Amino acid sequence: MSLRLQRVRELLKRQIGEVVRRELPVDEVGLINVNDVDVAPNLHTATVYIGVLGGPDQKKRALEALGVHRKRIQGLLGKAIVLKYTPQLRFVLDDSVERGNRVLRILDELDPPPSSA
């Protein structure tokens, strides 16, 4: 991956996170975190991987709210970042953190703490 594409990814990740925090109320959709952004080489599309701190209800509402507000988020992103094309965003729920935590819990169960005998 080119250095330019990596820089664009990081910039998009940071800006999308700020826009989402400003635009979507936490009490309705939970705390949304932008985990990663995958940008097409031509910068026309970007897949945004999000994590939601909250229950399954809030995760579903967060994904729906992001879908509803996608165009507005893209518009605000276009104003904040100067790119030839503002990528069309696609939001995907990223459960990698939860899977990682589950693996760590399983490992803890398999490796009991040493007994003090």
C-alpha atoms as a PDB file:
ATOM      1  CA  MET A   1       0.000   0.000   0.000  1.00  0.00           C
ATOM      2  CA  SER A   2       1.324   3.421  -0.908  1.00  0.00           C
ATOM      3  CA  LEU A   3       2.309   5.951   1.714  1.00  0.00           C
ATOM      4  CA  ARG A   4      -0.257   8.397   0.314  1.00  0.00           C
ATOM      5  CA  LEU A   5      -3.081   5.877   0.662  1.00  0.00           C
ATOM      6  CA  GLN A   6      -2.029   5.136   4.258  1.00  0.00           C
ATOM      7  CA  ARG A   7      -2.061   8.838   5.088  1.00  0.00           C
ATOM      8  CA  VAL A   8      -5.506   9.261   3.496  1.00  0.00           C
ATOM      9  CA  ARG A   9      -6.805   6.280   5.504  1.00  0.00           C
ATOM     10  CA  GLU A  10      -5.576   7.753   8.789  1.00  0.00           C
ATOM     11  CA  LEU A  11      -6.946  11.186   7.936  1.00  0.00           C
ATOM     12  CA  LEU A  12     -10.352   9.731   7.023  1.00  0.00           C
ATOM     13  CA  LYS A  13     -10.398   7.602  10.162  1.00  0.00           C
ATOM     14  CA  ARG A  14      -9.736  10.603  12.400  1.00  0.00           C
ATOM     15  CA  GLN A  15     -12.197  12.939  10.618  1.00  0.00           C
ATOM     16  CA  ILE A  16     -15.018  10.389  10.376  1.00  0.00           C
ATOM     17  CA  GLY A  17     -14.621   9.699  14.093  1.00  0.00           C
ATOM     18  CA  GLU A  18     -14.939  13.407  14.902  1.00  0.00           C
ATOM     19  CA  VAL A  19     -17.959  13.896  12.629  1.00  0.00           C
ATOM     20  CA  VAL A  20     -19.736  10.834  14.057  1.00  0.00           C
ATOM     21  CA  ARG A  21     -19.116  11.985  17.639  1.00  0.00           C
ATOM     22  CA  ARG A  22     -20.558  15.432  16.827  1.00  0.00           C
ATOM     23  CA  GLU A  23     -23.553  14.294  14.765  1.00  0.00           C
ATOM     24  CA  LEU A  24     -24.907  11.170  16.485  1.00  0.00           C
ATOM     25  CA  PRO A  25     -26.210  11.283  20.085  1.00  0.00           C
ATOM     26  CA  VAL A  26     -24.428   8.777  22.328  1.00  0.00           C
ATOM     27  CA  ASP A  27     -27.532   8.036  24.423  1.00  0.00           C
ATOM     28  CA  GLU A  28     -29.359   6.684  21.351  1.00  0.00           C
ATOM     29  CA  VAL A  29     -26.665   4.817  19.424  1.00  0.00           C
ATOM     30  CA  GLY A  30     -24.019   4.095  22.034  1.00  0.00           C
ATOM     31  CA  LEU A  31     -20.401   5.154  21.810  1.00  0.00           C
ATOM     32  CA  ILE A  32     -19.213   4.710  18.218  1.00  0.00           C
ATOM     33  CA  ASN A  33     -15.529   4.189  17.550  1.00  0.00           C
ATOM     34  CA  VAL A  34     -13.974   4.155  14.080  1.00  0.00           C
ATOM     35  CA  ASN A  35     -11.613   1.160  14.199  1.00  0.00           C
ATOM     36  CA  ASP A  36     -10.321   1.274  10.636  1.00  0.00           C
ATOM     37  CA  VAL A  37     -10.984   2.660   7.180  1.00  0.00           C
ATOM     38  CA  ASP A  38     -10.260   0.726   4.004  1.00  0.00           C
ATOM     39  CA  VAL A  39      -9.987   3.055   1.006  1.00  0.00           C
ATOM     40  CA  ALA A  40     -10.160   1.966  -2.628  1.00  0.00           C
ATOM     41  CA  PRO A  41      -7.001   2.922  -4.574  1.00  0.00           C
ATOM     42  CA  ASN A  42      -9.026   5.371  -6.714  1.00  0.00           C
ATOM     43  CA  LEU A  43     -10.450   7.006  -3.517  1.00  0.00           C
ATOM     44  CA  HIS A  44     -14.034   6.659  -4.778  1.00  0.00           C
ATOM     45  CA  THR A  45     -15.182   4.331  -1.991  1.00  0.00           C
ATOM     46  CA  ALA A  46     -14.218   3.687   1.604  1.00  0.00           C
ATOM     47  CA  THR A  47     -15.328   0.970   3.990  1.00  0.00           C
ATOM     48  CA  VAL A  48     -15.493   2.249   7.568  1.00  0.00           C
ATOM     49  CA  TYR A  49     -15.153  -0.409  10.266  1.00  0.00           C
ATOM     50  CA  ILE A  50     -16.884   0.728  13.433  1.00  0.00           C
ATOM     51  CA  GLY A  51     -17.086  -0.583  16.948  1.00  0.00           C
ATOM     52  CA  VAL A  52     -20.014   0.281  19.211  1.00  0.00           C
ATOM     53  CA  LEU A  53     -19.779   0.302  22.972  1.00  0.00           C
ATOM     54  CA  GLY A  54     -23.242  -0.764  24.053  1.00  0.00           C
ATOM     55  CA  GLY A  55     -25.690  -3.598  23.793  1.00  0.00           C
ATOM     56  CA  PRO A  56     -26.904  -5.384  20.647  1.00  0.00           C
ATOM     57  CA  ASP A  57     -29.792  -2.897  20.459  1.00  0.00           C
ATOM     58  CA  GLN A  58     -27.439   0.053  20.327  1.00  0.00           C
ATOM     59  CA  LYS A  59     -25.216  -1.641  17.743  1.00  0.00           C
ATOM     60  CA  LYS A  60     -28.187  -2.139  15.447  1.00  0.00           C
ATOM     61  CA  ARG A  61     -29.391   1.452  15.973  1.00  0.00           C
ATOM     62  CA  ALA A  62     -25.861   2.799  15.424  1.00  0.00           C
ATOM     63  CA  LEU A  63     -25.522   1.011  12.085  1.00  0.00           C
ATOM     64  CA  GLU A  64     -28.984   2.215  11.026  1.00  0.00           C
ATOM     65  CA  ALA A  65     -28.213   5.808  12.087  1.00  0.00           C
ATOM     66  CA  LEU A  66     -24.924   5.766  10.187  1.00  0.00           C
ATOM     67  CA  GLY A  67     -26.774   4.542   7.101  1.00  0.00           C
ATOM     68  CA  VAL A  68     -29.387   7.276   7.411  1.00  0.00           C
ATOM     69  CA  HIS A  69     -26.799  10.023   8.023  1.00  0.00           C
ATOM     70  CA  ARG A  70     -24.225   8.690   5.529  1.00  0.00           C
ATOM     71  CA  LYS A  71     -24.677  11.482   2.983  1.00  0.00           C
ATOM     72  CA  ARG A  72     -24.462  14.180   5.653  1.00  0.00           C
ATOM     73  CA  ILE A  73     -21.326  12.590   7.107  1.00  0.00           C
ATOM     74  CA  GLN A  74     -19.808  12.449   3.604  1.00  0.00           C
ATOM     75  CA  GLY A  75     -20.691  16.109   3.055  1.00  0.00           C
ATOM     76  CA  LEU A  76     -19.100  17.213   6.320  1.00  0.00           C
ATOM     77  CA  LEU A  77     -16.091  15.053   5.518  1.00  0.00           C
ATOM     78  CA  GLY A  78     -15.766  16.716   2.105  1.00  0.00           C
ATOM     79  CA  LYS A  79     -15.699  20.135   3.770  1.00  0.00           C
ATOM     80  CA  ALA A  80     -13.125  19.070   6.369  1.00  0.00           C
ATOM     81  CA  ILE A  81     -10.724  17.223   4.051  1.00  0.00           C
ATOM     82  CA  VAL A  82      -9.471  18.491   0.714  1.00  0.00           C
ATOM     83  CA  LEU A  83      -9.407  15.527  -1.663  1.00  0.00           C
ATOM     84  CA  LYS A  84     -10.158  15.283  -5.367  1.00  0.00           C
ATOM     85  CA  TYR A  85     -12.962  12.849  -4.521  1.00  0.00           C
ATOM     86  CA  THR A  86     -14.780  12.464  -1.241  1.00  0.00           C
ATOM     87  CA  PRO A  87     -15.165   8.700  -1.000  1.00  0.00           C
ATOM     88  CA  GLN A  88     -18.598   7.126  -0.763  1.00  0.00           C
ATOM     89  CA  LEU A  89     -18.729   5.639   2.719  1.00  0.00           C
ATOM     90  CA  ARG A  90     -19.937   2.178   3.633  1.00  0.00           C
ATOM     91  CA  PHE A  91     -20.226   1.387   7.343  1.00  0.00           C
ATOM     92  CA  VAL A  92     -19.531  -2.120   8.620  1.00  0.00           C
ATOM     93  CA  LEU A  93     -19.776  -3.342  12.207  1.00  0.00           C
ATOM     94  CA  ASP A  94     -16.341  -4.524  13.331  1.00  0.00           C
ATOM     95  CA  ASP A  95     -16.443  -7.093  16.099  1.00  0.00           C
ATOM     96  CA  SER A  96     -12.698  -7.835  16.109  1.00  0.00           C
ATOM     97  CA  VAL A  97     -12.212  -6.261  19.566  1.00  0.00           C
ATOM     98  CA  GLU A  98     -14.982  -8.435  21.027  1.00  0.00           C
ATOM     99  CA  ARG A  99     -13.537 -11.543  19.362  1.00  0.00           C
ATOM    100  CA  GLY A 100     -10.095 -10.663  20.744  1.00  0.00           C
ATOM    101  CA  ASN A 101     -11.507 -10.246  24.246  1.00  0.00           C
ATOM    102  CA  ARG A 102     -13.303 -13.595  23.949  1.00  0.00           C
ATOM    103  CA  VAL A 103     -10.053 -15.307  22.921  1.00  0.00           C
ATOM    104  CA  LEU A 104      -8.248 -13.720  25.895  1.00  0.00           C
ATOM    105  CA  ARG A 105     -10.978 -14.947  28.281  1.00  0.00           C
ATOM    106  CA  ILE A 106     -10.698 -18.465  26.854  1.00  0.00           C
ATOM    107  CA  LEU A 107      -6.911 -18.380  27.239  1.00  0.00           C
ATOM    108  CA  ASP A 108      -7.300 -17.233  30.849  1.00  0.00           C
ATOM    109  CA  GLU A 109      -9.645 -20.156  31.524  1.00  0.00           C
ATOM    110  CA  LEU A 110      -7.200 -22.631  29.960  1.00  0.00           C
ATOM    111  CA  ASP A 111      -4.253 -21.311  31.951  1.00  0.00           C
ATOM    112  CA  PRO A 112      -5.287 -21.282  35.616  1.00  0.00           C
ATOM    113  CA  PRO A 113      -3.236 -19.078  37.956  1.00  0.00           C
ATOM    114  CA  PRO A 114      -0.454 -20.911  39.823  1.00  0.00           C
ATOM    115  CA  SER A 115      -1.522 -22.226  43.205  1.00  0.00           C
ATOM    116  CA  SER A 116       0.233 -20.875  46.296  1.00  0.00           C
ATOM    117  CA  ALA A 117       0.959 -24.276  47.834  1.00  0.00           C
END
